[in-house]
N, C-alpha and C. Protein backbone atom coordinates (compact mmCIF):
# COMPACT_ATOMS: atom_id res chain seq x y z
N MET A 1 5.21 -21.24 5.59
CA MET A 1 5.71 -20.21 4.69
C MET A 1 5.31 -18.82 5.18
N GLN A 2 4.01 -18.63 5.52
CA GLN A 2 3.56 -17.31 5.96
C GLN A 2 4.21 -16.92 7.28
N GLN A 3 4.40 -17.91 8.19
CA GLN A 3 5.08 -17.60 9.45
C GLN A 3 6.49 -17.09 9.15
N ASN A 4 7.16 -17.69 8.18
CA ASN A 4 8.50 -17.25 7.80
C ASN A 4 8.48 -15.83 7.25
N LEU A 5 7.45 -15.49 6.50
CA LEU A 5 7.31 -14.14 5.96
C LEU A 5 7.18 -13.13 7.10
N ASP A 6 6.31 -13.44 8.06
CA ASP A 6 6.15 -12.57 9.23
C ASP A 6 7.48 -12.45 9.97
N GLU A 7 8.11 -13.58 10.23
CA GLU A 7 9.38 -13.57 10.96
C GLU A 7 10.45 -12.76 10.22
N ARG A 8 10.54 -12.95 8.91
CA ARG A 8 11.55 -12.26 8.11
C ARG A 8 11.39 -10.74 8.21
N TRP A 9 10.17 -10.26 8.00
CA TRP A 9 9.95 -8.81 8.05
C TRP A 9 9.99 -8.29 9.48
N SER A 10 9.44 -9.04 10.43
CA SER A 10 9.46 -8.60 11.83
C SER A 10 10.89 -8.47 12.33
N GLU A 11 11.75 -9.36 11.90
CA GLU A 11 13.16 -9.28 12.31
C GLU A 11 13.80 -7.96 11.86
N GLN A 12 13.46 -7.51 10.67
CA GLN A 12 13.98 -6.23 10.17
C GLN A 12 13.51 -5.07 11.05
N TYR A 13 12.24 -5.09 11.43
CA TYR A 13 11.71 -4.03 12.28
C TYR A 13 12.29 -4.09 13.69
N LYS A 14 12.53 -5.30 14.19
CA LYS A 14 13.14 -5.45 15.52
C LYS A 14 14.54 -4.85 15.55
N LYS A 15 15.21 -4.88 14.41
CA LYS A 15 16.56 -4.31 14.30
C LYS A 15 16.53 -2.79 14.13
N GLY A 16 15.33 -2.22 14.12
CA GLY A 16 15.20 -0.77 13.97
C GLY A 16 15.11 -0.31 12.53
N ARG A 17 15.00 -1.24 11.60
CA ARG A 17 14.91 -0.88 10.19
C ARG A 17 13.53 -0.34 9.89
N ASP A 18 13.48 0.71 9.12
CA ASP A 18 12.22 1.22 8.61
C ASP A 18 12.46 1.49 7.13
N TYR A 19 11.42 1.78 6.41
CA TYR A 19 11.54 1.89 4.97
C TYR A 19 11.22 3.30 4.51
N THR A 20 11.52 3.58 3.28
CA THR A 20 11.38 4.90 2.70
C THR A 20 10.03 5.53 3.01
N LEU A 21 10.08 6.72 3.53
CA LEU A 21 8.86 7.45 3.85
C LEU A 21 8.40 8.26 2.64
N ALA A 22 7.11 8.39 2.50
CA ALA A 22 6.57 9.24 1.44
C ALA A 22 6.64 10.69 1.92
N THR A 23 7.15 11.55 1.07
CA THR A 23 7.25 12.97 1.43
C THR A 23 5.87 13.62 1.36
N ARG A 24 5.74 14.76 2.00
CA ARG A 24 4.48 15.51 1.93
C ARG A 24 4.14 15.86 0.49
N GLN A 25 5.17 16.21 -0.29
CA GLN A 25 4.95 16.56 -1.70
C GLN A 25 4.45 15.34 -2.48
N ALA A 26 5.01 14.17 -2.19
CA ALA A 26 4.56 12.95 -2.88
C ALA A 26 3.11 12.65 -2.53
N ILE A 27 2.76 12.82 -1.27
CA ILE A 27 1.37 12.57 -0.84
C ILE A 27 0.44 13.61 -1.46
N ASP A 28 0.87 14.87 -1.50
CA ASP A 28 0.06 15.91 -2.15
C ASP A 28 -0.25 15.53 -3.60
N LYS A 29 0.77 15.04 -4.29
CA LYS A 29 0.58 14.68 -5.70
C LYS A 29 -0.39 13.51 -5.84
N ILE A 30 -0.24 12.49 -4.99
CA ILE A 30 -1.18 11.36 -5.01
C ILE A 30 -2.60 11.87 -4.80
N LEU A 31 -2.78 12.68 -3.77
CA LEU A 31 -4.12 13.15 -3.43
C LEU A 31 -4.72 14.07 -4.49
N SER A 32 -3.88 14.63 -5.33
CA SER A 32 -4.41 15.47 -6.41
C SER A 32 -5.21 14.65 -7.43
N TYR A 33 -5.04 13.34 -7.42
CA TYR A 33 -5.77 12.46 -8.34
C TYR A 33 -7.05 11.90 -7.73
N VAL A 34 -7.30 12.17 -6.47
CA VAL A 34 -8.48 11.64 -5.80
C VAL A 34 -9.72 12.36 -6.30
N ASP A 35 -10.73 11.58 -6.63
CA ASP A 35 -12.02 12.12 -7.07
C ASP A 35 -12.80 12.52 -5.82
N SER A 36 -13.37 13.71 -5.82
CA SER A 36 -14.11 14.20 -4.65
C SER A 36 -15.34 13.34 -4.34
N ALA A 37 -15.79 12.55 -5.31
CA ALA A 37 -16.94 11.67 -5.08
C ALA A 37 -16.56 10.39 -4.34
N ALA A 38 -15.27 10.11 -4.20
CA ALA A 38 -14.81 8.90 -3.52
C ALA A 38 -14.91 9.09 -2.01
N PRO A 39 -15.24 8.01 -1.28
CA PRO A 39 -15.28 8.13 0.18
C PRO A 39 -13.89 8.43 0.74
N LYS A 40 -13.83 9.09 1.89
CA LYS A 40 -12.57 9.45 2.53
C LYS A 40 -12.09 8.31 3.43
N THR A 41 -12.01 7.13 2.83
CA THR A 41 -11.52 5.94 3.52
C THR A 41 -10.29 5.44 2.77
N CYS A 42 -9.31 4.94 3.54
CA CYS A 42 -8.06 4.51 2.93
C CYS A 42 -7.64 3.15 3.47
N LEU A 43 -7.13 2.32 2.58
CA LEU A 43 -6.49 1.06 2.94
C LEU A 43 -5.03 1.19 2.53
N ASP A 44 -4.13 1.04 3.48
CA ASP A 44 -2.69 1.10 3.22
C ASP A 44 -2.14 -0.31 3.33
N ILE A 45 -1.92 -0.94 2.18
CA ILE A 45 -1.44 -2.33 2.12
C ILE A 45 0.08 -2.33 2.27
N GLY A 46 0.56 -3.06 3.26
CA GLY A 46 1.99 -3.07 3.55
C GLY A 46 2.37 -1.80 4.28
N CYS A 47 1.58 -1.45 5.29
CA CYS A 47 1.73 -0.16 5.98
C CYS A 47 3.01 -0.05 6.79
N GLY A 48 3.68 -1.16 7.07
CA GLY A 48 4.88 -1.09 7.89
C GLY A 48 4.57 -0.46 9.23
N THR A 49 5.37 0.51 9.63
CA THR A 49 5.17 1.16 10.93
C THR A 49 4.11 2.26 10.87
N GLY A 50 3.45 2.42 9.74
CA GLY A 50 2.27 3.27 9.65
C GLY A 50 2.48 4.73 9.31
N HIS A 51 3.65 5.11 8.82
CA HIS A 51 3.88 6.52 8.50
C HIS A 51 2.87 7.07 7.49
N LEU A 52 2.73 6.38 6.37
CA LEU A 52 1.80 6.85 5.33
C LEU A 52 0.36 6.81 5.84
N THR A 53 0.01 5.75 6.56
CA THR A 53 -1.35 5.63 7.10
C THR A 53 -1.68 6.81 8.00
N ARG A 54 -0.75 7.16 8.90
CA ARG A 54 -0.98 8.29 9.81
C ARG A 54 -1.06 9.61 9.06
N GLU A 55 -0.23 9.78 8.04
CA GLU A 55 -0.27 11.02 7.27
C GLU A 55 -1.62 11.17 6.56
N LEU A 56 -2.13 10.07 6.02
CA LEU A 56 -3.43 10.13 5.34
C LEU A 56 -4.55 10.37 6.36
N TYR A 57 -4.42 9.81 7.55
CA TYR A 57 -5.38 10.11 8.62
C TYR A 57 -5.37 11.61 8.92
N ASN A 58 -4.18 12.16 9.02
CA ASN A 58 -4.05 13.60 9.30
C ASN A 58 -4.61 14.47 8.18
N ARG A 59 -4.81 13.86 7.03
CA ARG A 59 -5.39 14.60 5.89
C ARG A 59 -6.88 14.33 5.75
N GLY A 60 -7.48 13.76 6.78
CA GLY A 60 -8.93 13.61 6.79
C GLY A 60 -9.48 12.24 6.43
N TYR A 61 -8.64 11.25 6.27
CA TYR A 61 -9.09 9.91 5.91
C TYR A 61 -9.32 9.06 7.15
N THR A 62 -10.29 8.16 7.07
CA THR A 62 -10.43 7.07 8.02
C THR A 62 -9.58 5.96 7.43
N CYS A 63 -8.58 5.51 8.16
CA CYS A 63 -7.55 4.63 7.58
C CYS A 63 -7.45 3.27 8.25
N THR A 64 -7.18 2.28 7.42
CA THR A 64 -6.83 0.94 7.87
C THR A 64 -5.50 0.59 7.24
N GLY A 65 -4.52 0.28 8.09
CA GLY A 65 -3.21 -0.16 7.61
C GLY A 65 -3.07 -1.64 7.89
N VAL A 66 -2.58 -2.38 6.90
CA VAL A 66 -2.37 -3.82 7.07
C VAL A 66 -0.93 -4.16 6.70
N ASP A 67 -0.38 -5.15 7.39
CA ASP A 67 0.98 -5.60 7.11
C ASP A 67 1.13 -7.04 7.55
N THR A 68 2.09 -7.75 6.93
CA THR A 68 2.35 -9.14 7.29
C THR A 68 3.29 -9.26 8.49
N SER A 69 3.89 -8.16 8.90
CA SER A 69 4.82 -8.17 10.03
C SER A 69 4.10 -7.81 11.32
N THR A 70 4.08 -8.73 12.26
CA THR A 70 3.47 -8.43 13.55
C THR A 70 4.23 -7.32 14.27
N LYS A 71 5.54 -7.28 14.12
CA LYS A 71 6.34 -6.24 14.77
C LYS A 71 6.02 -4.87 14.18
N ALA A 72 5.89 -4.78 12.87
CA ALA A 72 5.54 -3.50 12.23
C ALA A 72 4.18 -3.01 12.73
N ILE A 73 3.21 -3.90 12.81
CA ILE A 73 1.87 -3.53 13.28
C ILE A 73 1.94 -3.08 14.74
N GLU A 74 2.72 -3.78 15.54
CA GLU A 74 2.90 -3.39 16.94
C GLU A 74 3.47 -1.96 17.03
N LEU A 75 4.49 -1.66 16.22
CA LEU A 75 5.10 -0.32 16.22
C LEU A 75 4.11 0.73 15.71
N ALA A 76 3.34 0.38 14.70
CA ALA A 76 2.34 1.32 14.17
C ALA A 76 1.29 1.65 15.22
N LYS A 77 0.83 0.64 15.95
CA LYS A 77 -0.18 0.87 16.99
C LYS A 77 0.35 1.76 18.10
N VAL A 78 1.61 1.57 18.47
CA VAL A 78 2.22 2.40 19.50
C VAL A 78 2.27 3.86 19.06
N ALA A 79 2.54 4.09 17.77
CA ALA A 79 2.66 5.45 17.25
C ALA A 79 1.31 6.09 16.91
N ALA A 80 0.24 5.30 16.90
CA ALA A 80 -1.08 5.81 16.53
C ALA A 80 -1.54 6.87 17.54
N ILE A 81 -2.10 7.93 17.01
CA ILE A 81 -2.51 9.05 17.84
C ILE A 81 -4.01 9.32 17.71
N ALA A 82 -4.71 8.40 17.10
CA ALA A 82 -6.12 8.61 16.80
C ALA A 82 -6.96 7.49 17.38
N PRO A 83 -8.26 7.71 17.52
CA PRO A 83 -9.14 6.64 17.98
C PRO A 83 -9.09 5.45 17.01
N ALA A 84 -9.14 4.25 17.56
CA ALA A 84 -9.04 3.03 16.75
C ALA A 84 -10.09 2.96 15.65
N LYS A 85 -11.23 3.61 15.84
CA LYS A 85 -12.26 3.56 14.79
C LYS A 85 -11.86 4.38 13.57
N ASP A 86 -10.94 5.31 13.72
CA ASP A 86 -10.52 6.17 12.62
C ASP A 86 -9.16 5.80 12.03
N LEU A 87 -8.35 5.10 12.81
CA LEU A 87 -6.98 4.72 12.40
C LEU A 87 -6.71 3.35 12.98
N THR A 88 -6.83 2.34 12.13
CA THR A 88 -6.74 0.95 12.56
C THR A 88 -5.55 0.27 11.90
N TYR A 89 -4.84 -0.55 12.67
CA TYR A 89 -3.75 -1.35 12.12
C TYR A 89 -4.06 -2.81 12.38
N ILE A 90 -3.93 -3.61 11.32
CA ILE A 90 -4.30 -5.03 11.39
C ILE A 90 -3.19 -5.89 10.79
N HIS A 91 -2.84 -6.95 11.50
CA HIS A 91 -1.89 -7.92 10.96
C HIS A 91 -2.63 -8.88 10.04
N LEU A 92 -2.14 -9.01 8.81
CA LEU A 92 -2.65 -10.02 7.88
C LEU A 92 -1.51 -11.00 7.65
N SER A 93 -1.81 -12.26 7.61
CA SER A 93 -0.74 -13.24 7.46
C SER A 93 -0.11 -13.21 6.07
N SER A 94 -0.85 -12.70 5.08
CA SER A 94 -0.29 -12.60 3.73
C SER A 94 -1.15 -11.69 2.88
N ALA A 95 -0.62 -11.36 1.72
CA ALA A 95 -1.39 -10.55 0.75
C ALA A 95 -2.48 -11.39 0.10
N ASN A 96 -2.55 -12.68 0.46
CA ASN A 96 -3.57 -13.56 -0.10
C ASN A 96 -4.89 -13.48 0.65
N GLU A 97 -4.91 -12.78 1.78
CA GLU A 97 -6.13 -12.65 2.55
C GLU A 97 -7.07 -11.63 1.90
N SER A 98 -8.36 -11.83 2.11
CA SER A 98 -9.36 -10.91 1.59
C SER A 98 -9.33 -9.60 2.36
N PHE A 99 -9.64 -8.52 1.69
CA PHE A 99 -9.71 -7.21 2.32
C PHE A 99 -11.15 -6.79 2.58
N VAL A 100 -12.13 -7.61 2.16
CA VAL A 100 -13.54 -7.22 2.19
C VAL A 100 -14.04 -6.94 3.61
N ALA A 101 -13.59 -7.70 4.59
CA ALA A 101 -14.10 -7.54 5.95
C ALA A 101 -13.36 -6.46 6.74
N LEU A 102 -12.42 -5.79 6.12
CA LEU A 102 -11.65 -4.77 6.84
C LEU A 102 -12.50 -3.54 7.13
N PRO A 103 -12.24 -2.89 8.27
CA PRO A 103 -12.99 -1.67 8.58
C PRO A 103 -12.73 -0.59 7.54
N GLY A 104 -13.80 0.07 7.11
CA GLY A 104 -13.67 1.15 6.13
C GLY A 104 -13.99 0.75 4.71
N ALA A 105 -14.08 -0.56 4.43
CA ALA A 105 -14.35 -1.01 3.06
C ALA A 105 -15.77 -0.62 2.66
N PRO A 106 -16.01 -0.23 1.43
CA PRO A 106 -15.03 -0.05 0.35
C PRO A 106 -14.22 1.24 0.55
N PHE A 107 -13.03 1.23 -0.03
CA PHE A 107 -12.08 2.31 0.19
C PHE A 107 -12.01 3.26 -1.01
N GLY A 108 -11.95 4.54 -0.70
CA GLY A 108 -11.80 5.55 -1.74
C GLY A 108 -10.35 5.71 -2.19
N LEU A 109 -9.42 5.26 -1.36
CA LEU A 109 -8.00 5.33 -1.67
C LEU A 109 -7.33 4.07 -1.14
N ILE A 110 -6.62 3.36 -2.00
CA ILE A 110 -5.85 2.19 -1.59
C ILE A 110 -4.42 2.42 -2.02
N THR A 111 -3.50 2.33 -1.06
CA THR A 111 -2.08 2.51 -1.35
C THR A 111 -1.35 1.19 -1.14
N CYS A 112 -0.30 1.01 -1.91
CA CYS A 112 0.51 -0.20 -1.86
C CYS A 112 1.95 0.24 -2.13
N LYS A 113 2.63 0.65 -1.05
CA LYS A 113 3.97 1.23 -1.19
C LYS A 113 5.04 0.17 -0.88
N LEU A 114 5.87 -0.10 -1.88
CA LEU A 114 7.01 -1.02 -1.75
C LEU A 114 6.59 -2.43 -1.36
N VAL A 115 5.44 -2.86 -1.86
CA VAL A 115 4.91 -4.19 -1.55
C VAL A 115 4.63 -5.01 -2.81
N TYR A 116 4.19 -4.36 -3.85
CA TYR A 116 3.71 -5.05 -5.06
C TYR A 116 4.73 -6.06 -5.60
N ALA A 117 5.99 -5.74 -5.57
CA ALA A 117 7.02 -6.66 -6.09
C ALA A 117 7.07 -7.97 -5.32
N PHE A 118 6.63 -7.96 -4.06
CA PHE A 118 6.72 -9.15 -3.21
C PHE A 118 5.47 -10.00 -3.22
N VAL A 119 4.40 -9.54 -3.86
CA VAL A 119 3.16 -10.30 -3.92
C VAL A 119 3.34 -11.46 -4.88
N GLU A 120 3.08 -12.68 -4.40
CA GLU A 120 3.30 -13.85 -5.24
C GLU A 120 2.24 -14.04 -6.31
N ASP A 121 0.97 -13.96 -5.94
CA ASP A 121 -0.11 -14.16 -6.91
C ASP A 121 -0.73 -12.79 -7.22
N LYS A 122 -0.10 -12.09 -8.14
CA LYS A 122 -0.53 -10.72 -8.44
C LYS A 122 -1.94 -10.64 -9.03
N PRO A 123 -2.35 -11.53 -9.96
CA PRO A 123 -3.72 -11.43 -10.47
C PRO A 123 -4.77 -11.57 -9.35
N ALA A 124 -4.58 -12.50 -8.44
CA ALA A 124 -5.54 -12.68 -7.34
C ALA A 124 -5.50 -11.47 -6.40
N PHE A 125 -4.31 -10.96 -6.13
CA PHE A 125 -4.16 -9.79 -5.26
C PHE A 125 -4.89 -8.59 -5.87
N LEU A 126 -4.68 -8.34 -7.16
CA LEU A 126 -5.31 -7.20 -7.81
C LEU A 126 -6.83 -7.36 -7.84
N SER A 127 -7.30 -8.59 -7.96
CA SER A 127 -8.74 -8.85 -7.91
C SER A 127 -9.29 -8.50 -6.53
N ARG A 128 -8.55 -8.87 -5.47
CA ARG A 128 -8.98 -8.54 -4.11
C ARG A 128 -8.99 -7.02 -3.88
N VAL A 129 -8.02 -6.33 -4.47
CA VAL A 129 -8.00 -4.87 -4.36
C VAL A 129 -9.24 -4.29 -5.05
N LYS A 130 -9.54 -4.77 -6.26
CA LYS A 130 -10.71 -4.27 -6.98
C LYS A 130 -11.99 -4.49 -6.20
N ASP A 131 -12.06 -5.61 -5.46
CA ASP A 131 -13.26 -5.93 -4.68
C ASP A 131 -13.56 -4.87 -3.62
N VAL A 132 -12.53 -4.20 -3.11
CA VAL A 132 -12.75 -3.23 -2.02
C VAL A 132 -12.50 -1.78 -2.44
N LEU A 133 -12.23 -1.56 -3.72
CA LEU A 133 -12.05 -0.20 -4.21
C LEU A 133 -13.42 0.39 -4.52
N ALA A 134 -13.73 1.49 -3.86
CA ALA A 134 -15.04 2.13 -4.04
C ALA A 134 -15.16 2.73 -5.43
N PRO A 135 -16.40 2.92 -5.89
CA PRO A 135 -16.59 3.68 -7.12
C PRO A 135 -15.91 5.05 -6.96
N HIS A 136 -15.25 5.50 -7.99
CA HIS A 136 -14.51 6.77 -7.99
C HIS A 136 -13.20 6.70 -7.20
N GLY A 137 -12.92 5.55 -6.58
CA GLY A 137 -11.69 5.41 -5.80
C GLY A 137 -10.48 5.20 -6.68
N ILE A 138 -9.29 5.38 -6.08
CA ILE A 138 -8.05 5.14 -6.82
C ILE A 138 -7.16 4.16 -6.05
N PHE A 139 -6.37 3.43 -6.82
CA PHE A 139 -5.40 2.47 -6.31
C PHE A 139 -4.02 3.00 -6.69
N VAL A 140 -3.15 3.14 -5.70
CA VAL A 140 -1.81 3.70 -5.91
C VAL A 140 -0.76 2.64 -5.58
N VAL A 141 0.07 2.32 -6.55
CA VAL A 141 1.20 1.42 -6.33
C VAL A 141 2.46 2.25 -6.45
N ILE A 142 3.30 2.15 -5.44
CA ILE A 142 4.59 2.85 -5.42
C ILE A 142 5.67 1.79 -5.38
N THR A 143 6.50 1.74 -6.42
CA THR A 143 7.48 0.67 -6.53
C THR A 143 8.68 1.11 -7.35
N PRO A 144 9.85 0.57 -7.05
CA PRO A 144 10.96 0.79 -7.98
C PRO A 144 10.81 -0.17 -9.17
N LEU A 145 11.36 0.23 -10.29
CA LEU A 145 11.42 -0.62 -11.47
C LEU A 145 12.86 -1.09 -11.64
N PRO A 146 13.09 -2.16 -12.41
CA PRO A 146 14.46 -2.69 -12.55
C PRO A 146 15.48 -1.65 -12.99
N GLU A 147 15.10 -0.74 -13.87
CA GLU A 147 16.06 0.26 -14.36
C GLU A 147 16.38 1.34 -13.32
N ASP A 148 15.66 1.34 -12.20
CA ASP A 148 15.86 2.36 -11.18
C ASP A 148 16.79 1.93 -10.04
N VAL A 149 17.24 0.68 -10.06
CA VAL A 149 18.06 0.18 -8.96
C VAL A 149 19.30 -0.54 -9.50
N ALA A 150 20.23 -0.79 -8.61
CA ALA A 150 21.43 -1.56 -8.97
C ALA A 150 21.02 -3.00 -9.27
N PRO A 151 21.78 -3.70 -10.11
CA PRO A 151 21.42 -5.07 -10.48
C PRO A 151 21.16 -5.99 -9.29
N GLU A 152 21.91 -5.83 -8.20
CA GLU A 152 21.73 -6.71 -7.04
C GLU A 152 20.44 -6.42 -6.26
N GLN A 153 19.74 -5.34 -6.62
CA GLN A 153 18.49 -4.98 -5.94
C GLN A 153 17.25 -5.28 -6.79
N ARG A 154 17.41 -5.93 -7.91
CA ARG A 154 16.28 -6.15 -8.83
C ARG A 154 15.15 -6.97 -8.22
N ALA A 155 15.44 -7.75 -7.17
CA ALA A 155 14.39 -8.56 -6.54
C ALA A 155 13.34 -7.71 -5.84
N ILE A 156 13.63 -6.44 -5.58
CA ILE A 156 12.67 -5.58 -4.90
C ILE A 156 11.86 -4.73 -5.87
N THR A 157 11.97 -5.03 -7.15
CA THR A 157 11.31 -4.21 -8.18
C THR A 157 10.12 -4.92 -8.81
N ALA A 158 9.24 -4.13 -9.36
CA ALA A 158 8.14 -4.66 -10.16
C ALA A 158 8.63 -4.78 -11.59
N SER A 159 8.44 -5.92 -12.18
CA SER A 159 8.89 -6.17 -13.54
C SER A 159 7.98 -5.47 -14.55
N PRO A 160 8.43 -5.37 -15.80
CA PRO A 160 7.53 -4.82 -16.83
C PRO A 160 6.23 -5.62 -16.94
N GLN A 161 6.30 -6.94 -16.76
CA GLN A 161 5.09 -7.77 -16.79
C GLN A 161 4.16 -7.43 -15.63
N ASP A 162 4.75 -7.16 -14.44
CA ASP A 162 3.95 -6.77 -13.28
C ASP A 162 3.22 -5.46 -13.55
N MET A 163 3.91 -4.52 -14.16
CA MET A 163 3.31 -3.23 -14.46
C MET A 163 2.25 -3.36 -15.55
N HIS A 164 2.50 -4.23 -16.52
CA HIS A 164 1.52 -4.48 -17.58
C HIS A 164 0.23 -5.06 -16.98
N LEU A 165 0.39 -5.95 -16.01
CA LEU A 165 -0.78 -6.53 -15.34
C LEU A 165 -1.59 -5.43 -14.64
N LEU A 166 -0.90 -4.49 -14.02
CA LEU A 166 -1.59 -3.36 -13.38
C LEU A 166 -2.42 -2.58 -14.41
N THR A 167 -1.80 -2.24 -15.53
CA THR A 167 -2.50 -1.43 -16.54
C THR A 167 -3.61 -2.21 -17.25
N ASN A 168 -3.54 -3.53 -17.19
CA ASN A 168 -4.62 -4.33 -17.76
C ASN A 168 -5.77 -4.53 -16.78
N THR A 169 -5.49 -4.40 -15.48
CA THR A 169 -6.50 -4.62 -14.45
C THR A 169 -7.21 -3.34 -14.05
N PHE A 170 -6.49 -2.23 -14.09
CA PHE A 170 -7.04 -0.93 -13.69
C PHE A 170 -6.88 0.05 -14.84
N THR A 171 -7.80 1.00 -14.92
CA THR A 171 -7.66 2.08 -15.89
C THR A 171 -6.61 3.04 -15.34
N GLN A 172 -5.57 3.25 -16.12
CA GLN A 172 -4.48 4.12 -15.67
C GLN A 172 -4.93 5.57 -15.65
N VAL A 173 -4.79 6.19 -14.49
CA VAL A 173 -5.07 7.61 -14.34
C VAL A 173 -3.77 8.39 -14.52
N ALA A 174 -2.69 7.84 -13.97
CA ALA A 174 -1.37 8.47 -14.09
C ALA A 174 -0.30 7.44 -13.81
N MET A 175 0.88 7.70 -14.37
CA MET A 175 2.07 6.93 -14.02
C MET A 175 3.23 7.91 -14.17
N TYR A 176 4.00 8.03 -13.09
CA TYR A 176 5.11 8.98 -13.10
C TYR A 176 6.21 8.49 -12.17
N LYS A 177 7.38 9.08 -12.30
CA LYS A 177 8.51 8.74 -11.44
C LYS A 177 8.81 9.91 -10.52
N ASP A 178 9.22 9.54 -9.30
CA ASP A 178 9.58 10.55 -8.30
C ASP A 178 10.55 9.89 -7.31
N PHE A 179 11.70 10.49 -7.12
CA PHE A 179 12.71 9.99 -6.19
C PHE A 179 13.04 8.51 -6.38
N GLY A 180 13.15 8.06 -7.62
CA GLY A 180 13.54 6.69 -7.91
C GLY A 180 12.44 5.66 -7.82
N PHE A 181 11.21 6.10 -7.62
CA PHE A 181 10.08 5.20 -7.56
C PHE A 181 9.11 5.53 -8.69
N THR A 182 8.42 4.50 -9.16
CA THR A 182 7.34 4.69 -10.12
C THR A 182 6.03 4.67 -9.35
N TYR A 183 5.19 5.63 -9.65
CA TYR A 183 3.87 5.75 -9.05
C TYR A 183 2.85 5.38 -10.13
N PHE A 184 2.07 4.34 -9.87
CA PHE A 184 0.96 3.98 -10.76
C PHE A 184 -0.31 4.35 -10.02
N ILE A 185 -1.17 5.10 -10.68
CA ILE A 185 -2.46 5.46 -10.11
C ILE A 185 -3.54 4.98 -11.07
N GLY A 186 -4.41 4.12 -10.55
CA GLY A 186 -5.46 3.56 -11.39
C GLY A 186 -6.80 3.57 -10.70
N LYS A 187 -7.82 3.34 -11.51
CA LYS A 187 -9.18 3.20 -10.99
C LYS A 187 -9.80 1.97 -11.62
N LYS A 188 -10.96 1.57 -11.14
CA LYS A 188 -11.63 0.39 -11.70
C LYS A 188 -11.89 0.62 -13.17
N ALA A 189 -11.64 -0.43 -13.94
CA ALA A 189 -11.86 -0.35 -15.39
C ALA A 189 -13.34 -0.39 -15.70
């Protein structure tokens, strides 16, 4: 199953497909919620080709990007412009793997852009995120909701139950919409 997941996503990247990039303004807004007491370390879950990871590195973070696609990680590494100790890309076979041993843990900022809807065991995933979220750190989920997409695209959205699970697991700092995506920002409860 996990090999199929890697193959499915890697095939998209091999075809030259990339996914929605976060704008500078969107990143500015996310970073406005960061507590200055949090470490300047970031985990980008589902980093794809590493655009967001590199942007956060350029903003002073030591970053680790993880993805289930070996092709995406390969492309991210090629585009990396920083020493591996400061900007690392790692292939994980699934969102079910632990994040504890990753470089930079615990993280002051954890991002999860366009991935949450695809996580099969969300309670376990959110528990793993909490395990590596530093005190004062924030967890950012960027996802479309069902009402934001055409009916045939609902499989890529986080359901109301998925969002409720987020708000029950993390203390909500903010939730807002921007360019058709919902941004959830939370901290440890």
